[in-house]
Amino acid sequence: MNTFKKVLVTGGAGYVGAVLVPQLLKAGYEVKVLDLYLYGKDVLAQVKNHPHLEEIEGDIRDRHLLSKIMPGCDAVIHLACISNDPSFELDPTLGRSINYDAFFDLVDVSKDAGVKRFICASSSSVYGIKETENVTEDLPLMPLTDYSRYKALCEEVLLSKGEPGFTTLIVRPASICGYSPRQRLDLIVNIFTNQAINNGKITVFGGLNKRPSLHIQDMVDFYLKSLEWPDEAIDGKIFNLGHENYTVKEIADMTRKVVGDSVEIVTTPTNDPRSYHISSEKIKQELGFVPAHTVEDAIEDLVTAFKADKLPDSLTDSRYYNVKVMKEINFQ
């Protein structure tokens, strides 16, 4: 029995949303998707005519639209944003307007409409560079980029708006990997798999930097569970969510192992200092949530998708790369 009946997923036609929405419907929820559909109108094709799905092409910066579609929603899963640093840096003003400024209205309209639970996707990048072996939720945030800075600021906003009857939950995920109908090939595991399959060569920048990873299905499983946990277990709380903390070189080696020994690995220097190792002990201890899928699983899923021709023109088609789409459409 679902406590919540109707769920609004902002960014529901994005990389994670395209996997999440069909599974929410399968679990018995009514789902509203609010998305700009910049990466294709057909990413939710498998559930297009589902009687419990309403797809709304629109902008989260439009308060009037939010006020129109929010009534009747019991929960919000907020995924929509200009995602990743390069996309954000193309137009920092645009990035701020979507990732931060719009958040105030989204939260206020949700509260006014009687939404009972608000789940917000932050990012493990809010920690910046840490020397600590395991980065836990209680460490100070030191975001290095505007993208991660606004993620951190949205956390503050949401926590300040929580009150009885309006339960808030923030998750700081690791870098997501694996196959989605709205595929991204600008995330490290996915980049390496694409290169290995289609170039026979993986280019590694640096190599010793650590990148915490999380299989897309584990991310989706978290959101499904986030609608089931009791208020008192999650209200006003923040959880890291990662699984395996590998170096970039280890991810490249693993990709070669799955794809084939003939894949060449080329290492070049990098000026990207980001390296972090997040701890997901808190979510395990408090909620009993443990990811069940590995980076290797993600690579294998992508290899299967490539072999089934589900990712045509993956080296050249802009739709797999957020920053390329943002450049092409001149989005405002």
C-alpha atoms as a PDB file:
ATOM      1  CA  MET A   1       0.000   0.000   0.000  1.00  0.00           C
ATOM      2  CA  ASN A   2       1.538   3.307  -1.148  1.00  0.00           C
ATOM      3  CA  THR A   3       1.322   6.164   1.362  1.00  0.00           C
ATOM      4  CA  PHE A   4       1.459   8.603  -1.523  1.00  0.00           C
ATOM      5  CA  LYS A   5      -0.763   8.422  -4.568  1.00  0.00           C
ATOM      6  CA  LYS A   6       0.546  11.029  -6.992  1.00  0.00           C
ATOM      7  CA  VAL A   7       4.206  11.968  -7.500  1.00  0.00           C
ATOM      8  CA  LEU A   8       5.624  14.890  -9.475  1.00  0.00           C
ATOM      9  CA  VAL A   9       9.052  14.166 -10.961  1.00  0.00           C
ATOM     10  CA  THR A  10      10.819  17.296 -12.168  1.00  0.00           C
ATOM     11  CA  GLY A  11      13.337  16.370 -14.837  1.00  0.00           C
ATOM     12  CA  GLY A  12      11.476  13.091 -15.292  1.00  0.00           C
ATOM     13  CA  ALA A  13      12.643  12.773 -18.897  1.00  0.00           C
ATOM     14  CA  GLY A  14      16.306  13.021 -17.891  1.00  0.00           C
ATOM     15  CA  TYR A  15      18.960  10.342 -17.446  1.00  0.00           C
ATOM     16  CA  VAL A  16      17.709   9.053 -14.084  1.00  0.00           C
ATOM     17  CA  GLY A  17      14.077  10.061 -14.626  1.00  0.00           C
ATOM     18  CA  ALA A  18      13.746   7.937 -17.760  1.00  0.00           C
ATOM     19  CA  VAL A  19      14.500   4.844 -15.667  1.00  0.00           C
ATOM     20  CA  LEU A  20      12.638   6.013 -12.559  1.00  0.00           C
ATOM     21  CA  VAL A  21       9.279   7.012 -14.071  1.00  0.00           C
ATOM     22  CA  PRO A  22       8.385   3.589 -15.552  1.00  0.00           C
ATOM     23  CA  GLN A  23       9.279   1.945 -12.239  1.00  0.00           C
ATOM     24  CA  LEU A  24       7.139   4.403 -10.257  1.00  0.00           C
ATOM     25  CA  LEU A  25       4.210   3.552 -12.532  1.00  0.00           C
ATOM     26  CA  LYS A  26       4.888  -0.149 -12.115  1.00  0.00           C
ATOM     27  CA  ALA A  27       4.875   0.344  -8.330  1.00  0.00           C
ATOM     28  CA  GLY A  28       1.356   1.769  -8.559  1.00  0.00           C
ATOM     29  CA  TYR A  29       1.949   5.512  -8.344  1.00  0.00           C
ATOM     30  CA  GLU A  30       0.317   8.147 -10.501  1.00  0.00           C
ATOM     31  CA  VAL A  31       3.121  10.211 -12.011  1.00  0.00           C
ATOM     32  CA  LYS A  32       3.381  13.726 -13.396  1.00  0.00           C
ATOM     33  CA  VAL A  33       6.563  14.518 -15.304  1.00  0.00           C
ATOM     34  CA  LEU A  34       7.679  18.121 -15.727  1.00  0.00           C
ATOM     35  CA  ASP A  35      10.545  18.433 -18.186  1.00  0.00           C
ATOM     36  CA  LEU A  36      11.756  20.580 -21.076  1.00  0.00           C
ATOM     37  CA  TYR A  37      12.441  17.423 -23.133  1.00  0.00           C
ATOM     38  CA  LEU A  38      15.649  18.929 -24.494  1.00  0.00           C
ATOM     39  CA  TYR A  39      17.119  15.496 -25.125  1.00  0.00           C
ATOM     40  CA  GLY A  40      14.212  13.984 -27.044  1.00  0.00           C
ATOM     41  CA  LYS A  41      10.447  13.679 -26.815  1.00  0.00           C
ATOM     42  CA  ASP A  42      10.496   9.895 -26.864  1.00  0.00           C
ATOM     43  CA  VAL A  43      12.576   8.951 -23.826  1.00  0.00           C
ATOM     44  CA  LEU A  44       9.462   7.758 -22.000  1.00  0.00           C
ATOM     45  CA  ALA A  45       8.085   5.973 -25.086  1.00  0.00           C
ATOM     46  CA  GLN A  46       7.758   2.665 -23.239  1.00  0.00           C
ATOM     47  CA  VAL A  47       5.096   4.169 -20.945  1.00  0.00           C
ATOM     48  CA  LYS A  48       3.743   6.873 -23.253  1.00  0.00           C
ATOM     49  CA  ASN A  49       0.110   5.788 -23.081  1.00  0.00           C
ATOM     50  CA  HIS A  50       0.095   4.679 -19.461  1.00  0.00           C
ATOM     51  CA  PRO A  51      -3.200   5.793 -17.862  1.00  0.00           C
ATOM     52  CA  HIS A  52      -1.409   7.006 -14.722  1.00  0.00           C
ATOM     53  CA  LEU A  53       1.227   9.114 -16.505  1.00  0.00           C
ATOM     54  CA  GLU A  54       0.896  12.797 -17.325  1.00  0.00           C
ATOM     55  CA  GLU A  55       3.765  14.371 -19.262  1.00  0.00           C
ATOM     56  CA  ILE A  56       4.074  18.161 -19.049  1.00  0.00           C
ATOM     57  CA  GLU A  57       6.560  19.928 -21.300  1.00  0.00           C
ATOM     58  CA  GLY A  58       7.470  23.014 -19.345  1.00  0.00           C
ATOM     59  CA  ASP A  59       9.997  25.011 -17.361  1.00  0.00           C
ATOM     60  CA  ILE A  60      10.405  24.787 -13.578  1.00  0.00           C
ATOM     61  CA  ARG A  61      11.072  28.544 -13.597  1.00  0.00           C
ATOM     62  CA  ASP A  62       7.408  29.123 -14.519  1.00  0.00           C
ATOM     63  CA  ARG A  63       5.669  29.629 -11.167  1.00  0.00           C
ATOM     64  CA  HIS A  64       2.254  29.899 -12.811  1.00  0.00           C
ATOM     65  CA  LEU A  65       2.760  26.498 -14.430  1.00  0.00           C
ATOM     66  CA  LEU A  66       3.944  25.008 -11.134  1.00  0.00           C
ATOM     67  CA  SER A  67       0.832  26.348  -9.376  1.00  0.00           C
ATOM     68  CA  LYS A  68      -1.334  24.790 -12.077  1.00  0.00           C
ATOM     69  CA  ILE A  69       0.166  21.297 -12.045  1.00  0.00           C
ATOM     70  CA  MET A  70       1.068  20.868  -8.361  1.00  0.00           C
ATOM     71  CA  PRO A  71      -2.409  20.425  -6.778  1.00  0.00           C
ATOM     72  CA  GLY A  72      -3.121  16.767  -6.077  1.00  0.00           C
ATOM     73  CA  CYS A  73       0.536  15.793  -5.860  1.00  0.00           C
ATOM     74  CA  ASP A  74       1.498  14.127  -2.580  1.00  0.00           C
ATOM     75  CA  ALA A  75       5.244  13.972  -3.196  1.00  0.00           C
ATOM     76  CA  VAL A  76       7.879  15.704  -5.321  1.00  0.00           C
ATOM     77  CA  ILE A  77      11.092  14.088  -6.540  1.00  0.00           C
ATOM     78  CA  HIS A  78      13.191  16.991  -7.755  1.00  0.00           C
ATOM     79  CA  LEU A  79      15.736  15.963 -10.378  1.00  0.00           C
ATOM     80  CA  ALA A  80      15.577  18.884 -12.830  1.00  0.00           C
ATOM     81  CA  CYS A  81      18.724  20.972 -13.208  1.00  0.00           C
ATOM     82  CA  ILE A  82      21.411  22.063 -15.603  1.00  0.00           C
ATOM     83  CA  SER A  83      23.512  19.017 -14.927  1.00  0.00           C
ATOM     84  CA  ASN A  84      27.307  18.898 -14.685  1.00  0.00           C
ATOM     85  CA  ASP A  85      29.908  21.644 -14.547  1.00  0.00           C
ATOM     86  CA  PRO A  86      30.588  22.133 -18.295  1.00  0.00           C
ATOM     87  CA  SER A  87      26.873  22.586 -19.090  1.00  0.00           C
ATOM     88  CA  PHE A  88      26.460  25.012 -16.211  1.00  0.00           C
ATOM     89  CA  GLU A  89      29.507  27.043 -17.195  1.00  0.00           C
ATOM     90  CA  LEU A  90      28.200  27.632 -20.723  1.00  0.00           C
ATOM     91  CA  ASP A  91      25.778  30.152 -19.233  1.00  0.00           C
ATOM     92  CA  PRO A  92      26.164  30.636 -15.476  1.00  0.00           C
ATOM     93  CA  THR A  93      23.183  33.013 -15.309  1.00  0.00           C
ATOM     94  CA  LEU A  94      20.930  30.427 -16.939  1.00  0.00           C
ATOM     95  CA  GLY A  95      22.347  27.744 -14.665  1.00  0.00           C
ATOM     96  CA  ARG A  96      21.640  29.788 -11.562  1.00  0.00           C
ATOM     97  CA  SER A  97      18.088  30.602 -12.701  1.00  0.00           C
ATOM     98  CA  ILE A  98      17.224  26.914 -13.083  1.00  0.00           C
ATOM     99  CA  ASN A  99      19.363  25.290 -10.402  1.00  0.00           C
ATOM    100  CA  TYR A 100      18.831  27.841  -7.643  1.00  0.00           C
ATOM    101  CA  ASP A 101      16.454  30.756  -8.255  1.00  0.00           C
ATOM    102  CA  ALA A 102      13.599  28.494  -9.402  1.00  0.00           C
ATOM    103  CA  PHE A 103      14.009  26.273  -6.356  1.00  0.00           C
ATOM    104  CA  PHE A 104      12.380  28.789  -3.996  1.00  0.00           C
ATOM    105  CA  ASP A 105       9.146  28.837  -5.988  1.00  0.00           C
ATOM    106  CA  LEU A 106       9.191  25.069  -6.467  1.00  0.00           C
ATOM    107  CA  VAL A 107       9.404  24.454  -2.723  1.00  0.00           C
ATOM    108  CA  ASP A 108       6.868  27.160  -1.820  1.00  0.00           C
ATOM    109  CA  VAL A 109       4.336  26.027  -4.418  1.00  0.00           C
ATOM    110  CA  SER A 110       4.786  22.431  -3.236  1.00  0.00           C
ATOM    111  CA  LYS A 111       4.037  23.438   0.367  1.00  0.00           C
ATOM    112  CA  ASP A 112       1.074  25.606  -0.610  1.00  0.00           C
ATOM    113  CA  ALA A 113      -0.425  22.758  -2.644  1.00  0.00           C
ATOM    114  CA  GLY A 114      -0.237  20.318   0.251  1.00  0.00           C
ATOM    115  CA  VAL A 115       2.706  18.210  -0.906  1.00  0.00           C
ATOM    116  CA  LYS A 116       3.670  16.010   2.022  1.00  0.00           C
ATOM    117  CA  ARG A 117       7.164  14.891   0.999  1.00  0.00           C
ATOM    118  CA  PHE A 118       9.899  16.624  -0.992  1.00  0.00           C
ATOM    119  CA  ILE A 119      12.925  14.588  -2.112  1.00  0.00           C
ATOM    120  CA  CYS A 120      15.807  16.615  -3.507  1.00  0.00           C
ATOM    121  CA  ALA A 121      18.750  15.415  -5.601  1.00  0.00           C
ATOM    122  CA  SER A 122      21.905  17.223  -4.506  1.00  0.00           C
ATOM    123  CA  SER A 123      25.415  15.983  -5.383  1.00  0.00           C
ATOM    124  CA  SER A 124      28.463  14.526  -3.685  1.00  0.00           C
ATOM    125  CA  SER A 125      30.465  17.230  -5.475  1.00  0.00           C
ATOM    126  CA  VAL A 126      29.356  19.696  -2.753  1.00  0.00           C
ATOM    127  CA  TYR A 127      32.250  18.441  -0.597  1.00  0.00           C
ATOM    128  CA  GLY A 128      34.953  19.679  -2.968  1.00  0.00           C
ATOM    129  CA  ILE A 129      38.401  18.169  -2.394  1.00  0.00           C
ATOM    130  CA  LYS A 130      38.846  16.350   0.894  1.00  0.00           C
ATOM    131  CA  GLU A 131      41.972  14.707   2.260  1.00  0.00           C
ATOM    132  CA  THR A 132      39.817  12.553   4.542  1.00  0.00           C
ATOM    133  CA  GLU A 133      39.696   8.891   3.569  1.00  0.00           C
ATOM    134  CA  ASN A 134      35.917   8.709   3.975  1.00  0.00           C
ATOM    135  CA  VAL A 135      33.826  11.807   3.312  1.00  0.00           C
ATOM    136  CA  THR A 136      30.818  11.780   5.634  1.00  0.00           C
ATOM    137  CA  GLU A 137      27.714  13.971   5.725  1.00  0.00           C
ATOM    138  CA  ASP A 138      28.900  15.990   8.721  1.00  0.00           C
ATOM    139  CA  LEU A 139      32.010  17.387   7.002  1.00  0.00           C
ATOM    140  CA  PRO A 140      31.950  21.042   5.885  1.00  0.00           C
ATOM    141  CA  LEU A 141      30.930  21.697   2.300  1.00  0.00           C
ATOM    142  CA  MET A 142      33.553  23.264   0.037  1.00  0.00           C
ATOM    143  CA  PRO A 143      32.009  23.345  -3.448  1.00  0.00           C
ATOM    144  CA  LEU A 144      34.545  24.122  -6.161  1.00  0.00           C
ATOM    145  CA  THR A 145      32.146  25.154  -8.931  1.00  0.00           C
ATOM    146  CA  ASP A 146      28.937  27.129  -9.346  1.00  0.00           C
ATOM    147  CA  TYR A 147      27.100  23.895 -10.147  1.00  0.00           C
ATOM    148  CA  SER A 148      28.001  22.330  -6.802  1.00  0.00           C
ATOM    149  CA  ARG A 149      27.664  25.654  -4.937  1.00  0.00           C
ATOM    150  CA  TYR A 150      24.030  26.023  -5.971  1.00  0.00           C
ATOM    151  CA  LYS A 151      23.366  22.395  -5.080  1.00  0.00           C
ATOM    152  CA  ALA A 152      24.654  23.170  -1.583  1.00  0.00           C
ATOM    153  CA  LEU A 153      22.584  26.361  -1.343  1.00  0.00           C
ATOM    154  CA  CYS A 154      19.412  24.496  -2.365  1.00  0.00           C
ATOM    155  CA  GLU A 155      20.012  22.116   0.530  1.00  0.00           C
ATOM    156  CA  GLU A 156      19.969  25.096   2.918  1.00  0.00           C
ATOM    157  CA  VAL A 157      16.764  26.429   1.362  1.00  0.00           C
ATOM    158  CA  LEU A 158      14.947  23.113   1.627  1.00  0.00           C
ATOM    159  CA  LEU A 159      16.033  22.454   5.203  1.00  0.00           C
ATOM    160  CA  SER A 160      14.809  25.914   6.215  1.00  0.00           C
ATOM    161  CA  LYS A 161      11.367  25.215   4.732  1.00  0.00           C
ATOM    162  CA  GLY A 162      10.723  21.894   6.455  1.00  0.00           C
ATOM    163  CA  GLU A 163       7.860  21.731   8.956  1.00  0.00           C
ATOM    164  CA  PRO A 164       5.433  19.127  10.316  1.00  0.00           C
ATOM    165  CA  GLY A 165       3.464  17.742   7.387  1.00  0.00           C
ATOM    166  CA  PHE A 166       6.152  18.760   4.876  1.00  0.00           C
ATOM    167  CA  THR A 167       8.883  16.129   5.089  1.00  0.00           C
ATOM    168  CA  THR A 168      12.192  16.872   3.371  1.00  0.00           C
ATOM    169  CA  LEU A 169      14.934  14.483   2.281  1.00  0.00           C
ATOM    170  CA  ILE A 170      18.213  15.331   0.545  1.00  0.00           C
ATOM    171  CA  VAL A 171      20.445  12.822  -1.222  1.00  0.00           C
ATOM    172  CA  ARG A 172      24.034  13.459  -2.342  1.00  0.00           C
ATOM    173  CA  PRO A 173      24.638  10.838  -5.029  1.00  0.00           C
ATOM    174  CA  ALA A 174      27.932   9.695  -6.435  1.00  0.00           C
ATOM    175  CA  SER A 175      28.498   9.796 -10.203  1.00  0.00           C
ATOM    176  CA  ILE A 176      25.714   7.740 -11.813  1.00  0.00           C
ATOM    177  CA  CYS A 177      26.532   5.110 -14.408  1.00  0.00           C
ATOM    178  CA  GLY A 178      24.730   2.596 -16.593  1.00  0.00           C
ATOM    179  CA  TYR A 179      22.107   2.441 -19.336  1.00  0.00           C
ATOM    180  CA  SER A 180      19.038   4.674 -19.627  1.00  0.00           C
ATOM    181  CA  PRO A 181      16.578   5.383 -22.444  1.00  0.00           C
ATOM    182  CA  ARG A 182      17.842   8.990 -22.075  1.00  0.00           C
ATOM    183  CA  GLN A 183      21.462   7.998 -22.230  1.00  0.00           C
ATOM    184  CA  ARG A 184      24.275  10.230 -21.055  1.00  0.00           C
ATOM    185  CA  LEU A 185      27.738   9.487 -22.397  1.00  0.00           C
ATOM    186  CA  ASP A 186      29.445  12.356 -20.556  1.00  0.00           C
ATOM    187  CA  LEU A 187      29.819  10.508 -17.236  1.00  0.00           C
ATOM    188  CA  ILE A 188      33.037   8.687 -16.581  1.00  0.00           C
ATOM    189  CA  VAL A 189      31.991   5.014 -16.625  1.00  0.00           C
ATOM    190  CA  ASN A 190      29.743   5.646 -19.620  1.00  0.00           C
ATOM    191  CA  ILE A 191      32.463   7.631 -21.423  1.00  0.00           C
ATOM    192  CA  PHE A 192      34.995   4.831 -21.025  1.00  0.00           C
ATOM    193  CA  THR A 193      32.564   2.145 -22.163  1.00  0.00           C
ATOM    194  CA  ASN A 194      31.621   4.154 -25.252  1.00  0.00           C
ATOM    195  CA  GLN A 195      35.289   4.722 -26.090  1.00  0.00           C
ATOM    196  CA  ALA A 196      36.197   1.070 -25.536  1.00  0.00           C
ATOM    197  CA  ILE A 197      33.358  -0.269 -27.685  1.00  0.00           C
ATOM    198  CA  ASN A 198      33.579   2.235 -30.516  1.00  0.00           C
ATOM    199  CA  ASN A 199      37.220   3.379 -30.545  1.00  0.00           C
ATOM    200  CA  GLY A 200      38.993   0.389 -29.045  1.00  0.00           C
ATOM    201  CA  LYS A 201      40.856   2.945 -26.934  1.00  0.00           C
ATOM    202  CA  ILE A 202      40.177   4.614 -23.571  1.00  0.00           C
ATOM    203  CA  THR A 203      41.704   8.008 -22.812  1.00  0.00           C
ATOM    204  CA  VAL A 204      42.379   8.503 -19.115  1.00  0.00           C
ATOM    205  CA  PHE A 205      43.105  11.995 -17.795  1.00  0.00           C
ATOM    206  CA  GLY A 206      45.224  11.690 -14.673  1.00  0.00           C
ATOM    207  CA  GLY A 207      44.166   8.330 -13.362  1.00  0.00           C
ATOM    208  CA  LEU A 208      44.729   8.451  -9.618  1.00  0.00           C
ATOM    209  CA  ASN A 209      41.733  10.698  -8.912  1.00  0.00           C
ATOM    210  CA  LYS A 210      38.983   8.826  -7.113  1.00  0.00           C
ATOM    211  CA  ARG A 211      35.438   8.907  -8.443  1.00  0.00           C
ATOM    212  CA  PRO A 212      32.627   7.501  -6.316  1.00  0.00           C
ATOM    213  CA  SER A 213      30.183   5.653  -8.553  1.00  0.00           C
ATOM    214  CA  LEU A 214      26.585   4.489  -8.318  1.00  0.00           C
ATOM    215  CA  HIS A 215      24.631   2.261 -10.687  1.00  0.00           C
ATOM    216  CA  ILE A 216      21.557   4.019 -12.082  1.00  0.00           C
ATOM    217  CA  GLN A 217      19.267   1.260 -10.788  1.00  0.00           C
ATOM    218  CA  ASP A 218      20.482   1.842  -7.224  1.00  0.00           C
ATOM    219  CA  MET A 219      19.694   5.538  -7.630  1.00  0.00           C
ATOM    220  CA  VAL A 220      16.196   4.632  -8.815  1.00  0.00           C
ATOM    221  CA  ASP A 221      15.760   2.138  -5.974  1.00  0.00           C
ATOM    222  CA  PHE A 222      16.613   4.922  -3.524  1.00  0.00           C
ATOM    223  CA  TYR A 223      13.884   7.170  -4.931  1.00  0.00           C
ATOM    224  CA  LEU A 224      11.351   4.342  -4.794  1.00  0.00           C
ATOM    225  CA  LYS A 225      12.264   3.685  -1.146  1.00  0.00           C
ATOM    226  CA  SER A 226      12.203   7.412  -0.384  1.00  0.00           C
ATOM    227  CA  LEU A 227       8.426   7.259  -0.806  1.00  0.00           C
ATOM    228  CA  GLU A 228       8.154   4.352   1.635  1.00  0.00           C
ATOM    229  CA  TRP A 229      10.366   5.300   4.584  1.00  0.00           C
ATOM    230  CA  PRO A 230       8.469   6.772   7.555  1.00  0.00           C
ATOM    231  CA  ASP A 231       8.674  10.545   8.072  1.00  0.00           C
ATOM    232  CA  GLU A 232      10.648  10.263  11.296  1.00  0.00           C
ATOM    233  CA  ALA A 233      13.384   8.212   9.617  1.00  0.00           C
ATOM    234  CA  ILE A 234      14.167  10.775   6.927  1.00  0.00           C
ATOM    235  CA  ASP A 235      12.733  14.189   7.782  1.00  0.00           C
ATOM    236  CA  GLY A 236      15.299  16.965   7.446  1.00  0.00           C
ATOM    237  CA  LYS A 237      18.071  14.457   6.792  1.00  0.00           C
ATOM    238  CA  ILE A 238      20.886  14.326   4.267  1.00  0.00           C
ATOM    239  CA  PHE A 239      22.400  11.095   2.992  1.00  0.00           C
ATOM    240  CA  ASN A 240      25.405  10.337   0.815  1.00  0.00           C
ATOM    241  CA  LEU A 241      24.682   7.625  -1.721  1.00  0.00           C
ATOM    242  CA  GLY A 242      27.547   5.903  -3.443  1.00  0.00           C
ATOM    243  CA  HIS A 243      28.726   2.352  -3.791  1.00  0.00           C
ATOM    244  CA  GLU A 244      32.237   1.888  -5.113  1.00  0.00           C
ATOM    245  CA  ASN A 245      35.046   4.411  -4.847  1.00  0.00           C
ATOM    246  CA  TYR A 246      37.455   3.582  -7.659  1.00  0.00           C
ATOM    247  CA  THR A 247      40.238   5.615  -9.191  1.00  0.00           C
ATOM    248  CA  VAL A 248      39.781   6.722 -12.786  1.00  0.00           C
ATOM    249  CA  LYS A 249      42.495   4.230 -13.797  1.00  0.00           C
ATOM    250  CA  GLU A 250      40.692   1.386 -12.024  1.00  0.00           C
ATOM    251  CA  ILE A 251      37.478   2.218 -13.875  1.00  0.00           C
ATOM    252  CA  ALA A 252      39.387   2.148 -17.175  1.00  0.00           C
ATOM    253  CA  ASP A 253      40.949  -1.223 -16.304  1.00  0.00           C
ATOM    254  CA  MET A 254      37.541  -2.630 -15.374  1.00  0.00           C
ATOM    255  CA  THR A 255      36.063  -1.408 -18.645  1.00  0.00           C
ATOM    256  CA  ARG A 256      38.822  -3.139 -20.607  1.00  0.00           C
ATOM    257  CA  LYS A 257      38.214  -6.322 -18.627  1.00  0.00           C
ATOM    258  CA  VAL A 258      34.535  -6.332 -19.629  1.00  0.00           C
ATOM    259  CA  VAL A 259      34.924  -5.153 -23.237  1.00  0.00           C
ATOM    260  CA  GLY A 260      38.082  -7.057 -24.143  1.00  0.00           C
ATOM    261  CA  ASP A 261      41.850  -7.142 -23.711  1.00  0.00           C
ATOM    262  CA  SER A 262      42.409  -5.550 -27.117  1.00  0.00           C
ATOM    263  CA  VAL A 263      41.199  -2.205 -25.747  1.00  0.00           C
ATOM    264  CA  GLU A 264      44.092   0.245 -25.378  1.00  0.00           C
ATOM    265  CA  ILE A 265      44.338   2.583 -22.378  1.00  0.00           C
ATOM    266  CA  VAL A 266      46.114   5.899 -22.952  1.00  0.00           C
ATOM    267  CA  THR A 267      46.933   8.071 -19.941  1.00  0.00           C
ATOM    268  CA  THR A 268      47.484  11.821 -20.174  1.00  0.00           C
ATOM    269  CA  PRO A 269      48.010  14.501 -17.491  1.00  0.00           C
ATOM    270  CA  THR A 270      45.038  16.388 -16.055  1.00  0.00           C
ATOM    271  CA  ASN A 271      44.483  19.714 -14.337  1.00  0.00           C
ATOM    272  CA  ASP A 272      41.226  18.470 -12.804  1.00  0.00           C
ATOM    273  CA  PRO A 273      41.930  18.140  -9.076  1.00  0.00           C
ATOM    274  CA  ARG A 274      38.583  16.571  -8.116  1.00  0.00           C
ATOM    275  CA  SER A 275      39.096  13.421  -6.102  1.00  0.00           C
ATOM    276  CA  TYR A 276      36.833  12.198  -3.370  1.00  0.00           C
ATOM    277  CA  HIS A 277      35.834   9.035  -1.563  1.00  0.00           C
ATOM    278  CA  ILE A 278      32.373   9.302  -0.066  1.00  0.00           C
ATOM    279  CA  SER A 279      31.107   7.202   2.797  1.00  0.00           C
ATOM    280  CA  SER A 280      27.596   5.731   2.507  1.00  0.00           C
ATOM    281  CA  GLU A 281      27.674   4.271   5.996  1.00  0.00           C
ATOM    282  CA  LYS A 282      24.980   6.596   7.373  1.00  0.00           C
ATOM    283  CA  ILE A 283      22.295   5.496   4.923  1.00  0.00           C
ATOM    284  CA  LYS A 284      23.187   1.877   5.554  1.00  0.00           C
ATOM    285  CA  GLN A 285      23.031   2.244   9.339  1.00  0.00           C
ATOM    286  CA  GLU A 286      19.942   4.455   9.558  1.00  0.00           C
ATOM    287  CA  LEU A 287      17.821   3.213   6.671  1.00  0.00           C
ATOM    288  CA  GLY A 288      19.318  -0.166   5.850  1.00  0.00           C
ATOM    289  CA  PHE A 289      19.859   0.915   2.244  1.00  0.00           C
ATOM    290  CA  VAL A 290      22.770  -0.795   0.505  1.00  0.00           C
ATOM    291  CA  PRO A 291      23.353  -0.526  -3.265  1.00  0.00           C
ATOM    292  CA  ALA A 292      23.025  -3.865  -5.028  1.00  0.00           C
ATOM    293  CA  HIS A 293      24.651  -3.138  -8.395  1.00  0.00           C
ATOM    294  CA  THR A 294      28.291  -2.615  -9.334  1.00  0.00           C
ATOM    295  CA  VAL A 295      30.236  -0.475 -11.769  1.00  0.00           C
ATOM    296  CA  GLU A 296      30.973  -3.677 -13.647  1.00  0.00           C
ATOM    297  CA  ASP A 297      27.218  -4.304 -13.938  1.00  0.00           C
ATOM    298  CA  ALA A 298      26.822  -0.814 -15.416  1.00  0.00           C
ATOM    299  CA  ILE A 299      29.548  -1.450 -17.989  1.00  0.00           C
ATOM    300  CA  GLU A 300      27.966  -4.775 -18.940  1.00  0.00           C
ATOM    301  CA  ASP A 301      24.526  -3.134 -19.289  1.00  0.00           C
ATOM    302  CA  LEU A 302      25.991  -0.508 -21.599  1.00  0.00           C
ATOM    303  CA  VAL A 303      27.823  -3.117 -23.677  1.00  0.00           C
ATOM    304  CA  THR A 304      24.514  -4.979 -24.093  1.00  0.00           C
ATOM    305  CA  ALA A 305      22.799  -1.745 -25.168  1.00  0.00           C
ATOM    306  CA  PHE A 306      25.539  -0.984 -27.709  1.00  0.00           C
ATOM    307  CA  LYS A 307      25.334  -4.494 -29.146  1.00  0.00           C
ATOM    308  CA  ALA A 308      21.542  -4.174 -29.417  1.00  0.00           C
ATOM    309  CA  ASP A 309      22.020  -0.899 -31.344  1.00  0.00           C
ATOM    310  CA  LYS A 310      20.158   1.079 -28.706  1.00  0.00           C
ATOM    311  CA  LEU A 311      22.825   3.812 -28.778  1.00  0.00           C
ATOM    312  CA  PRO A 312      23.393   4.633 -32.468  1.00  0.00           C
ATOM    313  CA  ASP A 313      25.993   7.228 -33.493  1.00  0.00           C
ATOM    314  CA  SER A 314      27.195   7.399 -29.899  1.00  0.00           C
ATOM    315  CA  LEU A 315      30.435   9.201 -30.727  1.00  0.00           C
ATOM    316  CA  THR A 316      28.802  11.941 -32.805  1.00  0.00           C
ATOM    317  CA  ASP A 317      25.137  12.363 -31.811  1.00  0.00           C
ATOM    318  CA  SER A 318      24.792  15.427 -29.567  1.00  0.00           C
ATOM    319  CA  ARG A 319      21.837  14.068 -27.586  1.00  0.00           C
ATOM    320  CA  TYR A 320      24.147  11.896 -25.462  1.00  0.00           C
ATOM    321  CA  TYR A 321      26.184  14.901 -24.318  1.00  0.00           C
ATOM    322  CA  ASN A 322      24.542  17.590 -22.206  1.00  0.00           C
ATOM    323  CA  VAL A 323      26.973  20.358 -23.084  1.00  0.00           C
ATOM    324  CA  LYS A 324      26.622  19.748 -26.857  1.00  0.00           C
ATOM    325  CA  VAL A 325      22.836  19.974 -26.702  1.00  0.00           C
ATOM    326  CA  MET A 326      23.016  23.140 -24.616  1.00  0.00           C
ATOM    327  CA  LYS A 327      25.303  24.716 -27.236  1.00  0.00           C
ATOM    328  CA  GLU A 328      23.154  23.675 -30.181  1.00  0.00           C
ATOM    329  CA  ILE A 329      19.788  24.855 -28.905  1.00  0.00           C
ATOM    330  CA  ASN A 330      21.036  28.128 -27.411  1.00  0.00           C
ATOM    331  CA  PHE A 331      18.686  27.562 -24.518  1.00  0.00           C
ATOM    332  CA  GLN A 332      17.672  30.624 -22.488  1.00  0.00           C
END
